[in-house]
């Protein structure tokens, strides 16, 4: 008989949280605390949006040559199967 070992599942990157140190402006930090703003949640949400925008910017930059070539082809030749389009 073989033994069955339980292996913990790794969390996805978006589900797991990790402690980190941040340097924030003291006046803004105190004001946020006074207003019961969840600083971790706000920082996480904003950083997530900044990362998403940067990923999008980099994708556009990395694929700009292809997108330009594709657009030029569509401009010159029209859309594929366009002659069968009913709208």
N, C-alpha and C. Protein backbone atom coordinates (compact mmCIF):
# COMPACT_ATOMS: atom_id res chain seq x y z
N UNK A 1 0.83 -1.19 0.00
CA UNK A 1 0.00 0.00 0.00
C UNK A 1 0.87 1.25 0.00
N UNK A 2 0.48 2.21 -0.79
CA UNK A 2 1.24 3.45 -0.81
C UNK A 2 0.55 4.50 0.04
N UNK A 3 1.33 5.35 0.60
CA UNK A 3 0.79 6.44 1.43
C UNK A 3 0.34 7.58 0.54
N UNK A 4 -0.72 8.23 0.94
CA UNK A 4 -1.21 9.40 0.22
C UNK A 4 -0.79 10.63 1.01
N UNK A 5 -0.09 11.52 0.35
CA UNK A 5 0.36 12.75 1.00
C UNK A 5 -0.46 13.92 0.49
N UNK A 6 -0.86 14.76 1.39
CA UNK A 6 -1.59 15.96 1.03
C UNK A 6 -0.61 17.05 0.68
N UNK A 7 -0.81 17.64 -0.49
CA UNK A 7 0.04 18.74 -0.93
C UNK A 7 -0.82 20.00 -0.95
N UNK A 8 -0.43 21.01 -0.20
CA UNK A 8 -1.23 22.25 -0.21
C UNK A 8 -1.23 22.88 -1.60
N UNK A 9 -2.36 23.38 -2.00
CA UNK A 9 -2.48 24.04 -3.29
C UNK A 9 -1.92 25.45 -3.20
N UNK A 10 -1.19 25.84 -4.21
CA UNK A 10 -0.65 27.20 -4.27
C UNK A 10 -1.77 28.16 -4.60
N UNK A 11 -1.77 29.27 -3.97
CA UNK A 11 -2.77 30.30 -4.27
C UNK A 11 -2.41 31.00 -5.55
N UNK A 12 -3.43 31.45 -6.26
CA UNK A 12 -3.15 32.25 -7.46
C UNK A 12 -2.59 33.59 -7.03
N UNK A 13 -1.88 34.24 -7.92
CA UNK A 13 -1.25 35.52 -7.60
C UNK A 13 -2.23 36.57 -7.13
N UNK A 14 -3.47 36.55 -7.64
CA UNK A 14 -4.42 37.59 -7.27
C UNK A 14 -5.08 37.30 -5.93
N UNK A 15 -5.10 36.04 -5.49
CA UNK A 15 -5.80 35.69 -4.26
C UNK A 15 -4.91 35.88 -3.03
N UNK A 16 -3.62 35.61 -3.16
CA UNK A 16 -2.74 35.68 -2.03
C UNK A 16 -2.37 37.11 -1.67
N UNK A 17 -2.12 37.31 -0.40
CA UNK A 17 -1.68 38.62 0.06
C UNK A 17 -0.34 38.45 0.76
N UNK A 18 0.46 39.49 0.70
CA UNK A 18 1.77 39.45 1.32
C UNK A 18 2.04 40.79 1.99
N UNK A 19 2.58 40.74 3.17
CA UNK A 19 2.91 41.97 3.90
C UNK A 19 4.10 42.65 3.21
N UNK A 20 4.07 43.97 3.22
CA UNK A 20 5.17 44.75 2.64
C UNK A 20 5.29 46.06 3.41
N UNK A 21 6.39 46.72 3.24
CA UNK A 21 6.60 48.02 3.86
C UNK A 21 6.39 49.11 2.83
N UNK A 22 5.69 50.14 3.19
CA UNK A 22 5.47 51.29 2.32
C UNK A 22 5.86 52.55 3.06
N UNK A 23 6.29 53.52 2.31
CA UNK A 23 6.53 54.85 2.86
C UNK A 23 5.45 55.76 2.30
N UNK A 24 4.65 56.30 3.18
CA UNK A 24 3.54 57.16 2.78
C UNK A 24 3.68 58.51 3.46
N UNK A 25 3.12 59.52 2.86
CA UNK A 25 3.13 60.86 3.47
C UNK A 25 2.37 60.81 4.79
N UNK A 26 2.99 61.28 5.84
CA UNK A 26 2.43 61.18 7.19
C UNK A 26 1.06 61.85 7.29
N UNK A 27 0.91 63.03 6.68
CA UNK A 27 -0.36 63.75 6.81
C UNK A 27 -1.50 62.99 6.11
N UNK A 28 -1.21 62.42 4.95
CA UNK A 28 -2.24 61.67 4.22
C UNK A 28 -2.58 60.38 4.97
N UNK A 29 -1.57 59.72 5.49
CA UNK A 29 -1.78 58.49 6.25
C UNK A 29 -2.67 58.75 7.47
N UNK A 30 -2.37 59.79 8.20
CA UNK A 30 -3.18 60.11 9.38
C UNK A 30 -4.61 60.48 9.00
N UNK A 31 -4.77 61.24 7.92
CA UNK A 31 -6.12 61.61 7.48
C UNK A 31 -6.90 60.36 7.05
N UNK A 32 -6.25 59.44 6.36
CA UNK A 32 -6.91 58.21 5.93
C UNK A 32 -7.33 57.38 7.14
N UNK A 33 -6.45 57.27 8.10
CA UNK A 33 -6.78 56.52 9.32
C UNK A 33 -7.95 57.17 10.05
N UNK A 34 -7.95 58.50 10.12
CA UNK A 34 -9.04 59.22 10.79
C UNK A 34 -10.37 58.99 10.10
N UNK A 35 -10.35 58.73 8.80
CA UNK A 35 -11.58 58.50 8.03
C UNK A 35 -11.89 57.01 7.89
N UNK A 36 -11.18 56.18 8.64
CA UNK A 36 -11.37 54.72 8.59
C UNK A 36 -11.24 54.15 7.18
N UNK A 37 -10.32 54.70 6.41
CA UNK A 37 -10.05 54.18 5.07
C UNK A 37 -9.12 52.98 5.21
N UNK A 38 -9.46 51.88 4.53
CA UNK A 38 -8.63 50.69 4.54
C UNK A 38 -7.44 50.95 3.61
N UNK A 39 -6.32 51.28 4.19
CA UNK A 39 -5.14 51.69 3.43
C UNK A 39 -4.63 50.55 2.55
N UNK A 40 -4.58 49.35 3.09
CA UNK A 40 -4.11 48.21 2.31
C UNK A 40 -5.00 47.98 1.10
N UNK A 41 -6.29 48.06 1.30
CA UNK A 41 -7.24 47.83 0.20
C UNK A 41 -7.09 48.90 -0.88
N UNK A 42 -6.97 50.15 -0.47
CA UNK A 42 -6.83 51.25 -1.42
C UNK A 42 -5.51 51.12 -2.19
N UNK A 43 -4.42 50.85 -1.48
CA UNK A 43 -3.12 50.69 -2.15
C UNK A 43 -3.16 49.51 -3.12
N UNK A 44 -3.74 48.39 -2.71
CA UNK A 44 -3.82 47.22 -3.55
C UNK A 44 -4.63 47.50 -4.82
N UNK A 45 -5.78 48.14 -4.66
CA UNK A 45 -6.64 48.44 -5.81
C UNK A 45 -5.94 49.41 -6.77
N UNK A 46 -5.31 50.43 -6.24
CA UNK A 46 -4.64 51.40 -7.10
C UNK A 46 -3.44 50.78 -7.81
N UNK A 47 -2.65 50.00 -7.07
CA UNK A 47 -1.49 49.36 -7.67
C UNK A 47 -1.93 48.35 -8.74
N UNK A 48 -3.03 47.65 -8.50
CA UNK A 48 -3.56 46.72 -9.50
C UNK A 48 -3.90 47.45 -10.80
N UNK A 49 -4.50 48.63 -10.67
CA UNK A 49 -4.86 49.42 -11.85
C UNK A 49 -3.61 49.94 -12.56
N UNK A 50 -2.63 50.39 -11.81
CA UNK A 50 -1.38 50.88 -12.40
C UNK A 50 -0.69 49.74 -13.15
N UNK A 51 -0.66 48.55 -12.57
CA UNK A 51 -0.04 47.40 -13.22
C UNK A 51 -0.79 47.04 -14.49
N UNK A 52 -2.12 47.04 -14.44
CA UNK A 52 -2.94 46.72 -15.62
C UNK A 52 -2.65 47.70 -16.76
N UNK A 53 -2.61 48.99 -16.44
CA UNK A 53 -2.31 50.00 -17.48
C UNK A 53 -0.92 49.82 -18.06
N UNK A 54 0.05 49.50 -17.21
CA UNK A 54 1.42 49.31 -17.69
C UNK A 54 1.52 48.06 -18.55
N UNK A 55 0.83 46.99 -18.17
CA UNK A 55 0.82 45.79 -19.00
C UNK A 55 0.21 46.09 -20.36
N UNK A 56 -0.87 46.85 -20.36
CA UNK A 56 -1.51 47.23 -21.62
C UNK A 56 -0.57 48.08 -22.47
N UNK A 57 0.09 49.05 -21.87
CA UNK A 57 1.02 49.91 -22.60
C UNK A 57 2.15 49.10 -23.21
N UNK A 58 2.69 48.17 -22.43
CA UNK A 58 3.79 47.35 -22.93
C UNK A 58 3.32 46.43 -24.06
N UNK A 59 2.11 45.87 -23.92
CA UNK A 59 1.58 45.00 -24.98
C UNK A 59 1.45 45.80 -26.27
N UNK A 60 0.88 47.00 -26.17
CA UNK A 60 0.74 47.85 -27.36
C UNK A 60 2.09 48.16 -27.99
N UNK A 61 3.07 48.46 -27.16
CA UNK A 61 4.42 48.78 -27.65
C UNK A 61 5.04 47.55 -28.32
N UNK A 62 4.94 46.40 -27.68
CA UNK A 62 5.55 45.18 -28.21
C UNK A 62 4.88 44.70 -29.50
N UNK A 63 3.59 44.99 -29.67
CA UNK A 63 2.85 44.50 -30.83
C UNK A 63 2.50 45.59 -31.84
N UNK A 64 3.07 46.76 -31.67
CA UNK A 64 2.75 47.90 -32.53
C UNK A 64 3.04 47.61 -34.00
N UNK A 65 4.14 46.97 -34.28
CA UNK A 65 4.50 46.68 -35.67
C UNK A 65 3.46 45.78 -36.33
N UNK A 66 3.05 44.73 -35.63
CA UNK A 66 2.03 43.83 -36.17
C UNK A 66 0.70 44.56 -36.36
N UNK A 67 0.27 45.31 -35.36
CA UNK A 67 -1.01 46.03 -35.44
C UNK A 67 -1.00 47.00 -36.62
N UNK A 68 0.10 47.72 -36.79
CA UNK A 68 0.20 48.66 -37.92
C UNK A 68 0.15 47.93 -39.26
N UNK A 69 0.85 46.79 -39.35
CA UNK A 69 0.84 46.01 -40.59
C UNK A 69 -0.55 45.46 -40.87
N UNK A 70 -1.22 44.96 -39.84
CA UNK A 70 -2.58 44.44 -40.00
C UNK A 70 -3.53 45.54 -40.45
N UNK A 71 -3.45 46.70 -39.80
CA UNK A 71 -4.30 47.82 -40.17
C UNK A 71 -4.04 48.26 -41.61
N UNK A 72 -2.79 48.26 -42.03
CA UNK A 72 -2.46 48.62 -43.41
C UNK A 72 -3.05 47.61 -44.39
N UNK A 73 -3.01 46.34 -44.04
CA UNK A 73 -3.59 45.29 -44.89
C UNK A 73 -5.10 45.48 -45.00
N UNK A 74 -5.76 45.73 -43.89
CA UNK A 74 -7.21 45.95 -43.90
C UNK A 74 -7.55 47.19 -44.72
N UNK A 75 -6.75 48.22 -44.57
CA UNK A 75 -6.96 49.46 -45.34
C UNK A 75 -6.85 49.19 -46.84
N UNK A 76 -5.86 48.41 -47.22
CA UNK A 76 -5.62 48.14 -48.64
C UNK A 76 -6.56 47.10 -49.22
N UNK A 77 -6.89 46.07 -48.43
CA UNK A 77 -7.63 44.94 -48.98
C UNK A 77 -9.05 44.81 -48.44
N UNK A 78 -9.39 45.57 -47.42
CA UNK A 78 -10.70 45.44 -46.78
C UNK A 78 -10.71 44.30 -45.78
N UNK A 79 -11.86 44.13 -45.13
CA UNK A 79 -11.99 43.08 -44.12
C UNK A 79 -12.11 41.72 -44.79
N UNK A 80 -11.54 40.69 -44.17
CA UNK A 80 -11.72 39.35 -44.70
C UNK A 80 -13.21 38.98 -44.67
N UNK A 81 -13.68 38.32 -45.70
CA UNK A 81 -15.08 37.87 -45.81
C UNK A 81 -16.07 39.02 -45.85
N UNK A 82 -15.59 40.22 -46.10
CA UNK A 82 -16.46 41.41 -46.10
C UNK A 82 -17.57 41.30 -47.14
N UNK A 83 -17.31 40.64 -48.25
CA UNK A 83 -18.32 40.54 -49.31
C UNK A 83 -19.52 39.70 -48.89
N UNK A 84 -19.38 38.88 -47.85
CA UNK A 84 -20.50 38.07 -47.38
C UNK A 84 -21.17 38.65 -46.14
N UNK A 85 -20.72 39.79 -45.71
CA UNK A 85 -21.29 40.43 -44.52
C UNK A 85 -22.68 40.95 -44.85
N UNK A 86 -23.65 40.71 -43.95
CA UNK A 86 -25.03 41.12 -44.20
C UNK A 86 -25.45 42.35 -43.40
N UNK A 87 -24.54 43.01 -42.73
CA UNK A 87 -24.90 44.19 -41.95
C UNK A 87 -24.02 45.35 -42.30
